Protein backbone atom coordinates (compact mmCIF):
# COMPACT_ATOMS: atom_id res chain seq x y z
CA UNK A 1 51.53 26.46 101.61
CA UNK A 2 50.40 26.34 105.23
CA UNK A 3 52.77 23.44 105.88
CA UNK A 4 55.71 25.49 104.54
CA UNK A 5 54.63 28.47 106.63
CA UNK A 6 54.42 26.34 109.75
CA UNK A 7 57.85 24.87 109.10
CA UNK A 8 59.47 28.28 108.64
CA UNK A 9 57.74 29.93 111.58
CA UNK A 10 58.12 26.98 113.95
CA UNK A 11 54.64 27.70 115.32
CA UNK A 12 53.00 24.38 114.55
CA UNK A 13 53.73 20.75 115.25
CA UNK A 14 55.19 19.05 112.19
CA UNK A 15 57.15 15.89 111.71
CA UNK A 16 60.83 16.71 112.13
CA UNK A 17 61.57 15.00 108.83
CA UNK A 18 59.10 17.28 107.01
CA UNK A 19 60.35 20.43 108.76
CA UNK A 20 63.99 19.57 108.02
CA UNK A 21 63.25 18.96 104.33
CA UNK A 22 61.43 22.30 103.98
CA UNK A 23 64.18 24.22 105.79
CA UNK A 24 66.81 22.58 103.58
CA UNK A 25 65.03 23.71 100.40
CA UNK A 26 64.51 27.22 101.81
CA UNK A 27 68.20 27.48 102.66
CA UNK A 28 69.22 26.29 99.19
CA UNK A 29 66.95 28.87 97.55
CA UNK A 30 68.11 31.66 99.85
CA UNK A 31 64.59 32.27 101.16
CA UNK A 32 64.15 34.27 104.36
CA UNK A 33 60.85 34.69 106.26
CA UNK A 34 59.36 38.18 106.06
CA UNK A 35 59.86 38.67 109.80
CA UNK A 36 63.59 38.11 109.38
CA UNK A 37 64.00 40.54 106.52
CA UNK A 38 65.47 43.91 107.27
CA UNK A 39 63.35 46.88 106.34
CA UNK A 40 65.06 48.94 103.62
CA UNK A 41 64.38 52.01 105.76
CA UNK A 42 66.00 50.54 108.86
CA UNK A 43 69.69 51.35 108.48
CA UNK A 44 70.38 52.00 112.16
CA UNK A 45 72.52 48.88 112.46
CA UNK A 46 74.72 49.59 109.43
CA UNK A 47 78.07 50.95 110.66
CA UNK A 48 78.92 54.34 109.19
CA UNK A 49 81.98 56.48 108.65
CA UNK A 50 81.12 60.18 108.78
CA UNK A 51 83.00 62.64 106.59
CA UNK A 52 82.93 66.11 108.08
CA UNK A 53 82.92 68.69 105.29
CA UNK A 54 83.56 72.43 105.56
CA UNK A 55 80.75 74.85 104.81
CA UNK A 56 77.11 73.90 104.66
CA UNK A 57 74.65 72.13 102.34
CA UNK A 58 74.33 73.95 99.04
CA UNK A 59 77.64 75.77 99.39
CA UNK A 60 80.31 74.98 96.78
CA UNK A 61 83.20 73.14 98.46
CA UNK A 62 86.40 75.17 98.46
CA UNK A 63 88.60 72.20 97.59
CA UNK A 64 86.21 70.57 95.14
CA UNK A 65 88.70 68.41 93.23
CA UNK A 66 90.48 67.19 96.34
CA UNK A 67 87.27 66.53 98.28
CA UNK A 68 85.75 64.61 95.37
CA UNK A 69 88.74 62.27 95.29
CA UNK A 70 88.66 61.91 99.08
CA UNK A 71 84.98 60.96 99.04
CA UNK A 72 85.55 58.44 96.28
CA UNK A 73 88.43 56.79 98.12
CA UNK A 74 86.67 56.78 101.49
CA UNK A 75 83.52 55.24 100.04
CA UNK A 76 85.44 52.44 98.37
CA UNK A 77 87.49 51.64 101.46
CA UNK A 78 84.43 51.73 103.73
CA UNK A 79 82.49 49.32 101.51
CA UNK A 80 85.39 46.86 101.59
CA UNK A 81 84.83 46.52 105.34
CA UNK A 82 81.03 46.55 105.32
CA UNK A 83 80.65 50.23 106.20
CA UNK A 84 78.78 53.02 104.48
CA UNK A 85 79.75 56.69 104.32
CA UNK A 86 77.59 59.56 105.50
CA UNK A 87 78.27 63.29 105.21
CA UNK A 88 78.08 65.91 107.94
CA UNK A 89 78.54 69.62 107.28
CA UNK A 90 80.36 72.00 109.56
CA UNK A 91 77.77 74.76 109.22
CA UNK A 92 74.32 74.01 110.63
CA UNK A 93 71.31 76.26 111.20
CA UNK A 94 70.76 75.15 114.79
CA UNK A 95 73.49 76.59 117.08
CA UNK A 96 72.70 73.85 119.61
CA UNK A 97 73.35 71.09 117.07
CA UNK A 98 75.08 68.19 118.84
CA UNK A 99 77.42 66.47 116.39
CA UNK A 100 78.28 63.69 118.84
CA UNK A 101 74.61 62.90 119.55
CA UNK A 102 73.83 62.74 115.84
CA UNK A 103 76.78 60.43 115.24
CA UNK A 104 75.68 58.09 118.02
CA UNK A 105 72.11 58.00 116.69
CA UNK A 106 73.34 57.17 113.18
CA UNK A 107 75.69 54.42 114.36
CA UNK A 108 78.77 56.33 113.25
CA UNK A 109 81.91 54.39 114.16
CA UNK A 110 84.55 56.88 113.02
CA UNK A 111 85.10 60.40 111.69
CA UNK A 112 87.14 61.41 108.65
CA UNK A 113 88.11 65.09 108.52
CA UNK A 114 89.41 65.71 104.99
CA UNK A 115 90.71 69.22 105.66
CA UNK A 116 92.12 71.04 108.72
CA UNK A 117 89.84 73.98 107.89
CA UNK A 118 87.05 72.41 109.98
CA UNK A 119 86.40 74.34 113.20
CA UNK A 120 88.58 72.92 115.97
CA UNK A 121 85.76 72.86 118.54
CA UNK A 122 83.76 70.38 116.45
CA UNK A 123 86.70 68.04 115.91
CA UNK A 124 87.89 68.22 119.51
CA UNK A 125 84.33 67.64 120.75
CA UNK A 126 83.94 64.48 118.69
CA UNK A 127 87.31 63.18 119.85
CA UNK A 128 86.41 63.93 123.48
CA UNK A 129 83.25 61.84 123.04
CA UNK A 130 85.39 58.88 122.02
CA UNK A 131 84.87 58.86 118.26
CA UNK A 132 87.98 57.63 116.41
CA UNK A 133 88.96 60.59 114.22
CA UNK A 134 91.49 60.90 111.42
CA UNK A 135 92.52 64.12 109.70
CA UNK A 136 93.88 64.34 106.18
CA UNK A 137 96.40 66.95 104.97
CA UNK A 138 98.02 67.50 108.36
CA UNK A 139 96.74 68.72 111.70
CA UNK A 140 96.64 72.33 112.86
CA UNK A 141 98.72 73.22 115.89
CA UNK A 142 95.54 73.53 117.98
CA UNK A 143 94.85 69.78 117.69
CA UNK A 144 98.06 68.13 118.92
CA UNK A 145 98.31 64.37 118.78
CA UNK A 146 95.46 63.94 116.33
CA UNK A 147 95.96 60.96 113.97
CA UNK A 148 96.67 62.20 110.46
CA UNK A 149 97.09 60.75 106.99
CA UNK A 150 98.92 62.74 104.38
CA UNK A 151 101.89 63.12 102.09
CA UNK A 152 105.40 64.45 102.59
CA UNK A 153 104.44 68.02 101.73
CA UNK A 154 107.89 69.46 102.37
CA UNK A 155 109.54 67.01 100.00
CA UNK A 156 106.77 67.55 97.47
CA UNK A 157 107.35 71.31 97.55
CA UNK A 158 111.07 70.74 97.13
CA UNK A 159 110.70 68.36 94.19
CA UNK A 160 108.19 70.58 92.36
CA UNK A 161 110.43 73.63 92.70
CA UNK A 162 113.55 71.64 91.84
CA UNK A 163 111.89 70.45 88.63
CA UNK A 164 111.35 74.06 87.54
CA UNK A 165 114.95 74.95 88.44
CA UNK A 166 116.30 72.05 86.37
CA UNK A 167 114.26 73.37 83.45
CA UNK A 168 116.29 76.57 83.74
CA UNK A 169 113.98 78.86 85.72
CA UNK A 170 115.24 81.13 88.47
CA UNK A 171 112.26 83.50 88.80
CA UNK A 172 109.88 80.96 90.34
CA UNK A 173 106.71 82.14 92.03
CA UNK A 174 104.66 80.19 94.54
CA UNK A 175 100.93 80.24 95.14
CA UNK A 176 100.42 79.37 98.80
CA UNK A 177 97.64 76.77 99.30
CA UNK A 178 96.52 78.34 102.57
CA UNK A 179 97.75 80.20 105.65
CA UNK A 180 101.21 79.09 106.77
CA UNK A 181 99.65 78.24 110.15
CA UNK A 182 98.25 75.14 108.44
CA UNK A 183 100.78 72.33 108.46
CA UNK A 184 100.62 71.28 104.81
CA UNK A 185 100.83 74.87 103.55
CA UNK A 186 103.84 75.63 105.74
CA UNK A 187 105.53 72.39 104.69
CA UNK A 188 105.12 73.01 100.95
CA UNK A 189 106.46 76.54 101.38
CA UNK A 190 109.43 75.16 103.35
CA UNK A 191 110.16 72.75 100.50
CA UNK A 192 110.04 75.63 98.02
CA UNK A 193 112.51 77.62 100.12
CA UNK A 194 114.82 74.62 100.53
CA UNK A 195 114.99 74.09 96.77
CA UNK A 196 115.92 77.74 96.22
CA UNK A 197 118.61 77.54 98.90
CA UNK A 198 119.96 74.24 97.56
CA UNK A 199 120.50 75.71 94.10
CA UNK A 200 121.71 79.10 95.31
CA UNK A 201 118.70 81.10 94.11
CA UNK A 202 117.87 84.16 96.26
CA UNK A 203 114.42 84.18 97.84
CA UNK A 204 112.19 87.00 96.56
CA UNK A 205 109.15 87.68 98.74
CA UNK A 206 107.40 89.49 95.87
CA UNK A 207 107.06 86.13 94.12
CA UNK A 208 104.88 84.70 96.90
CA UNK A 209 101.11 85.11 96.60
CA UNK A 210 98.06 83.75 98.39
CA UNK A 211 96.44 81.47 95.83
CA UNK A 212 93.35 80.85 97.94
CA UNK A 213 91.21 77.77 97.43
CA UNK A 214 89.20 78.75 94.38
CA UNK A 215 90.25 78.92 90.74
CA UNK A 216 89.26 82.58 90.34
CA UNK A 217 91.35 83.57 93.38
CA UNK A 218 94.38 81.79 91.95
CA UNK A 219 93.78 83.43 88.57
CA UNK A 220 93.75 86.88 90.19
CA UNK A 221 96.91 86.10 92.16
CA UNK A 222 98.66 84.89 89.02
CA UNK A 223 97.66 88.03 87.14
CA UNK A 224 99.23 90.14 89.90
CA UNK A 225 102.46 88.15 89.70
CA UNK A 226 102.63 88.54 85.93
CA UNK A 227 102.11 92.29 86.31
CA UNK A 228 105.35 92.66 88.29
CA UNK A 229 108.17 94.66 86.72
CA UNK A 230 110.25 91.49 86.79
CA UNK A 231 107.59 88.76 86.56
CA UNK A 232 108.17 85.07 87.24
CA UNK A 233 108.92 82.68 84.40
CA UNK A 234 107.45 79.70 86.27
CA UNK A 235 105.08 79.08 89.17
CA UNK A 236 104.72 76.38 91.80
CA UNK A 237 100.98 76.06 92.51
CA UNK A 238 100.18 74.77 95.97
CA UNK A 239 97.31 72.54 94.83
CA UNK A 240 95.45 71.35 91.73
CA UNK A 241 92.70 73.96 91.94
CA UNK A 242 95.27 76.74 92.00
CA UNK A 243 97.10 75.26 89.03
CA UNK A 244 93.90 75.34 86.96
CA UNK A 245 93.23 78.95 87.95
CA UNK A 246 96.81 80.02 87.27
CA UNK A 247 96.74 78.56 83.76
């Protein structure tokens, strides 16, 4: 055993033929000396992608279904390139919390912001520190030029509303998925309006309601719409969570 140890450590004088034979067997068996093994607790060299979530630990996420899918997709893509995913929350107890310093200490190589509801100061601060940052669902006007990944929300709003029109509906309500100041919400609403205009259906502001981001909020909004004197016969829900609440 001491001969093997000497060969692997290189600390003793052995015949080169003996050392080479031992190293060949060790390589074939995949053996690594203890000193070369990485401690399971030492993950400082593993590159990370940080996902910045709204709210704080223990708070239910407002866009649970969407965020769950985003986390699943991000984790899979990160692993394909040898990265791991870590989570940072927008709300922290320490007002002096330095997001950039934490990201540097954790070897974070990039930031994924899955919703534009994250406070602009945090996102802008990370970008100013040089962290590559990508926003999903469209950027707010206060963060111009920020790289984004998303869908054609205007066309999606148009197609969803058009589908209901083709089915014969003319009293079509819409549950807004957020303030119209947010790009994706404004775009889906614009698509809704374009579909009405295309098919010659007058716009009725009473059929527009704030569906919020929680199922119970959407349920309340839908109840109010159905209580109208001339209620809608169909509804375009701005996101999946709203659709569940509306039903």
